[in-house]
Amino acid sequence: MGQSGGWGQNVEALIYVNGQSVQGMDWCHLEAFLDDELLKSGKLSIAAKTWSGLAESPTFRVFGETKLRKVHPASEEFYYLVKALVETIPLLPENDLKRFKLAKVLQETFKYINFLKPKSEAYYASIETALAFIKDELAKLRMPELKPTVHAVGHSHIDMAWLWRLSATREKASRTFSTVLNLMREYPEYLFMHSSPQL
């Protein structure tokens, strides 16, 4: 999936696994989470119902390489936690004590990772140890000014029969709501609202 040159040229698809709609795919949604229920049979039949966008394109649109990967939950959580710190630390004032403390925690975290055999059981066990360490250390650093309350609710805007046919609206709604339901399976705490009851 990719953005192929401007408004109206985005290819979109609804991914089906074992006959069940799972998620919409487009240039903003390049990965689909597959629930454990889908994997129980040991076989996966994957199909894509695609839509080529509104504008005419001088080139053929093709799917790129696709991969099926198993995600190690602790590694994923560790990655995003470290990424948040790496992006946050430079934003703090240079002489801020919190900046030094966060940088020290980040540096110390990596001594727990066994880099000798990537993708081995020992490696993944060390990621879990590093994750436990960094979460514990960050919990100790919590200060009121570092702990804002943020409320976020997902929302999608879908134009109904605007520059496309009603059937395209139905397809867009199917892709959108399949994606939302899949996100809710992956993240049970995720909240979503939609302001068009017709959809």
Protein backbone atom coordinates (compact mmCIF):
# COMPACT_ATOMS: atom_id res chain seq x y z
CA MET A 1 0.00 0.00 0.00
CA GLY A 2 1.31 3.43 -0.69
CA GLN A 3 0.41 7.01 -1.42
CA SER A 4 0.86 7.26 -5.13
CA GLY A 5 0.93 10.93 -5.89
CA GLY A 6 -1.65 13.09 -4.17
CA TRP A 7 -5.25 13.38 -3.14
CA GLY A 8 -7.61 10.74 -4.43
CA GLN A 9 -4.87 8.37 -5.54
CA ASN A 10 -4.56 6.32 -2.37
CA VAL A 11 -5.09 2.62 -2.76
CA GLU A 12 -7.16 1.07 0.02
CA ALA A 13 -8.01 -2.52 0.87
CA LEU A 14 -10.07 -4.57 3.29
CA ILE A 15 -8.10 -7.61 4.46
CA TYR A 16 -9.94 -10.87 5.07
CA VAL A 17 -8.41 -13.76 7.02
CA ASN A 18 -10.15 -17.14 6.83
CA GLY A 19 -13.20 -15.40 5.35
CA GLN A 20 -13.49 -12.85 8.18
CA SER A 21 -12.91 -9.12 7.61
CA VAL A 22 -10.03 -8.03 9.80
CA GLN A 23 -8.78 -4.57 8.94
CA GLY A 24 -8.58 -1.81 6.40
CA MET A 25 -5.16 -1.21 4.86
CA ASP A 26 -3.86 1.98 3.27
CA TRP A 27 -0.78 4.18 3.38
CA CYS A 28 -1.55 5.05 7.03
CA HIS A 29 -2.31 1.46 8.06
CA LEU A 30 0.45 -0.80 6.82
CA GLU A 31 0.14 -3.55 9.44
CA ALA A 32 -2.76 -5.74 10.53
CA PHE A 33 -2.92 -7.46 13.90
CA LEU A 34 -4.18 -11.05 13.69
CA ASP A 35 -6.03 -12.23 16.77
CA ASP A 36 -5.00 -15.58 18.28
CA GLU A 37 -8.44 -16.99 17.35
CA LEU A 38 -7.53 -16.64 13.66
CA LEU A 39 -4.33 -18.61 14.19
CA LYS A 40 -5.84 -21.62 15.99
CA SER A 41 -6.56 -23.64 12.85
CA GLY A 42 -2.90 -23.53 11.80
CA LYS A 43 -3.86 -22.29 8.32
CA LEU A 44 -4.44 -18.77 7.09
CA SER A 45 -6.33 -17.86 3.96
CA ILE A 46 -5.68 -14.17 3.29
CA ALA A 47 -7.60 -12.12 0.72
CA ALA A 48 -7.74 -8.41 -0.03
CA LYS A 49 -10.65 -6.47 -1.49
CA THR A 50 -9.06 -3.35 -2.95
CA TRP A 51 -10.16 0.07 -4.14
CA SER A 52 -7.87 2.08 -6.37
CA GLY A 53 -8.86 5.61 -5.39
CA LEU A 54 -10.72 8.40 -7.12
CA ALA A 55 -8.15 9.79 -9.51
CA GLU A 56 -6.88 8.16 -12.66
CA SER A 57 -3.29 7.00 -12.42
CA PRO A 58 -0.89 6.71 -15.38
CA THR A 59 0.78 3.68 -13.77
CA PHE A 60 -0.45 0.31 -12.57
CA ARG A 61 -0.86 -0.01 -8.85
CA VAL A 62 0.60 -3.15 -7.35
CA PHE A 63 0.96 -4.65 -3.90
CA GLY A 64 4.47 -4.68 -2.53
CA GLU A 65 6.04 -7.46 -0.52
CA THR A 66 3.98 -8.75 2.38
CA LYS A 67 5.24 -10.59 5.44
CA LEU A 68 3.63 -12.55 8.24
CA ARG A 69 5.39 -11.92 11.53
CA LYS A 70 4.94 -13.02 15.10
CA VAL A 71 5.24 -10.10 17.51
CA HIS A 72 6.89 -10.55 20.89
CA PRO A 73 4.68 -8.34 23.13
CA ALA A 74 7.44 -7.36 25.58
CA SER A 75 9.75 -6.36 22.72
CA GLU A 76 7.05 -4.21 21.16
CA GLU A 77 6.29 -2.50 24.49
CA PHE A 78 10.02 -2.02 25.14
CA TYR A 79 10.55 -0.50 21.69
CA TYR A 80 7.79 2.10 22.07
CA LEU A 81 8.77 2.97 25.65
CA VAL A 82 12.41 3.51 24.66
CA LYS A 83 11.34 5.44 21.55
CA ALA A 84 9.21 7.76 23.71
CA LEU A 85 12.18 8.43 26.00
CA VAL A 86 14.60 8.99 23.13
CA GLU A 87 12.20 11.55 21.62
CA THR A 88 11.34 13.18 24.98
CA ILE A 89 14.78 13.66 26.54
CA PRO A 90 16.06 16.21 23.96
CA LEU A 91 12.91 18.30 24.49
CA LEU A 92 13.73 18.91 28.16
CA PRO A 93 15.92 21.91 29.12
CA GLU A 94 19.64 21.03 29.11
CA ASN A 95 20.08 21.60 32.84
CA ASP A 96 16.82 19.95 33.91
CA LEU A 97 17.44 17.24 36.52
CA LYS A 98 14.67 15.12 34.94
CA ARG A 99 16.61 15.08 31.68
CA PHE A 100 19.69 13.63 33.42
CA LYS A 101 17.66 11.07 35.36
CA LEU A 102 15.77 9.87 32.30
CA ALA A 103 18.97 9.63 30.25
CA LYS A 104 20.62 7.60 33.04
CA VAL A 105 17.67 5.20 33.22
CA LEU A 106 17.72 4.79 29.44
CA GLN A 107 21.46 4.10 29.42
CA GLU A 108 21.28 1.60 32.30
CA THR A 109 18.39 -0.26 30.67
CA PHE A 110 20.49 -1.54 27.80
CA LYS A 111 22.97 -3.35 30.04
CA TYR A 112 20.21 -5.90 30.69
CA ILE A 113 19.87 -6.89 27.03
CA ASN A 114 21.77 -9.96 25.79
CA PHE A 115 22.85 -8.89 22.30
CA LEU A 116 25.03 -11.97 21.73
CA LYS A 117 22.31 -14.08 20.09
CA PRO A 118 19.52 -11.92 18.67
CA LYS A 119 16.13 -13.67 18.33
CA SER A 120 17.19 -16.42 20.76
CA GLU A 121 15.22 -17.33 23.89
CA ALA A 122 17.95 -15.69 25.98
CA TYR A 123 17.60 -12.49 23.95
CA TYR A 124 13.83 -12.28 24.41
CA ALA A 125 14.16 -13.10 28.12
CA SER A 126 16.66 -10.25 28.45
CA ILE A 127 14.23 -7.86 26.73
CA GLU A 128 11.62 -8.78 29.34
CA THR A 129 14.17 -8.11 32.11
CA ALA A 130 15.09 -4.74 30.56
CA LEU A 131 11.41 -3.82 30.22
CA ALA A 132 10.73 -4.64 33.87
CA PHE A 133 13.78 -2.57 34.89
CA ILE A 134 12.89 0.52 32.87
CA LYS A 135 9.24 0.46 33.97
CA ASP A 136 10.28 0.11 37.62
CA GLU A 137 12.81 2.96 37.34
CA LEU A 138 10.36 5.25 35.58
CA ALA A 139 7.75 4.54 38.26
CA LYS A 140 10.26 5.76 40.87
CA LEU A 141 10.77 9.02 38.95
CA ARG A 142 7.10 9.96 38.74
CA MET A 143 6.57 13.57 39.70
CA PRO A 144 3.31 15.51 39.36
CA GLU A 145 4.71 17.67 36.55
CA LEU A 146 5.76 14.56 34.61
CA LYS A 147 2.36 12.94 34.87
CA PRO A 148 -0.26 14.82 32.86
CA THR A 149 -3.73 13.42 32.41
CA VAL A 150 -4.50 12.87 28.75
CA HIS A 151 -7.87 11.73 27.45
CA ALA A 152 -7.94 10.58 23.85
CA VAL A 153 -10.80 9.10 21.87
CA GLY A 154 -10.41 7.72 18.34
CA HIS A 155 -12.59 9.22 15.61
CA SER A 156 -13.00 8.77 11.86
CA HIS A 157 -14.50 11.19 9.39
CA ILE A 158 -16.14 9.49 6.43
CA ASP A 159 -17.69 11.47 3.59
CA MET A 160 -20.92 9.81 2.48
CA ALA A 161 -21.37 9.69 -1.29
CA TRP A 162 -19.17 12.75 -1.77
CA LEU A 163 -17.18 12.53 -5.01
CA TRP A 164 -17.74 8.80 -4.94
CA ARG A 165 -20.69 6.47 -5.16
CA LEU A 166 -22.74 5.28 -2.23
CA SER A 167 -21.24 1.81 -2.72
CA ALA A 168 -17.75 3.32 -2.17
CA THR A 169 -19.02 4.86 1.08
CA ARG A 170 -20.18 1.44 2.25
CA GLU A 171 -16.79 -0.05 1.39
CA LYS A 172 -14.96 2.80 3.16
CA ALA A 173 -17.13 2.28 6.26
CA SER A 174 -16.37 -1.47 6.18
CA ARG A 175 -12.64 -0.79 6.05
CA THR A 176 -12.77 1.85 8.77
CA PHE A 177 -14.88 -0.06 11.25
CA SER A 178 -13.03 -3.34 10.65
CA THR A 179 -9.82 -1.49 11.51
CA VAL A 180 -11.37 0.02 14.64
CA LEU A 181 -12.71 -3.33 15.86
CA ASN A 182 -9.32 -4.92 15.24
CA LEU A 183 -7.61 -2.18 17.24
CA MET A 184 -10.09 -2.76 20.07
CA ARG A 185 -9.20 -6.46 20.09
CA GLU A 186 -5.51 -5.60 20.25
CA TYR A 187 -5.93 -2.77 22.77
CA PRO A 188 -9.03 -3.42 24.95
CA GLU A 189 -8.73 0.04 26.54
CA TYR A 190 -9.06 1.79 23.15
CA LEU A 191 -12.11 4.05 22.85
CA PHE A 192 -13.73 5.15 19.59
CA MET A 193 -16.60 7.43 18.65
CA HIS A 194 -18.29 8.14 15.36
CA SER A 195 -20.65 10.99 14.66
CA SER A 196 -22.59 9.50 11.73
CA PRO A 197 -25.23 7.05 12.96
CA GLN A 198 -26.15 6.22 9.34
CA LEU A 199 -22.77 4.52 8.96
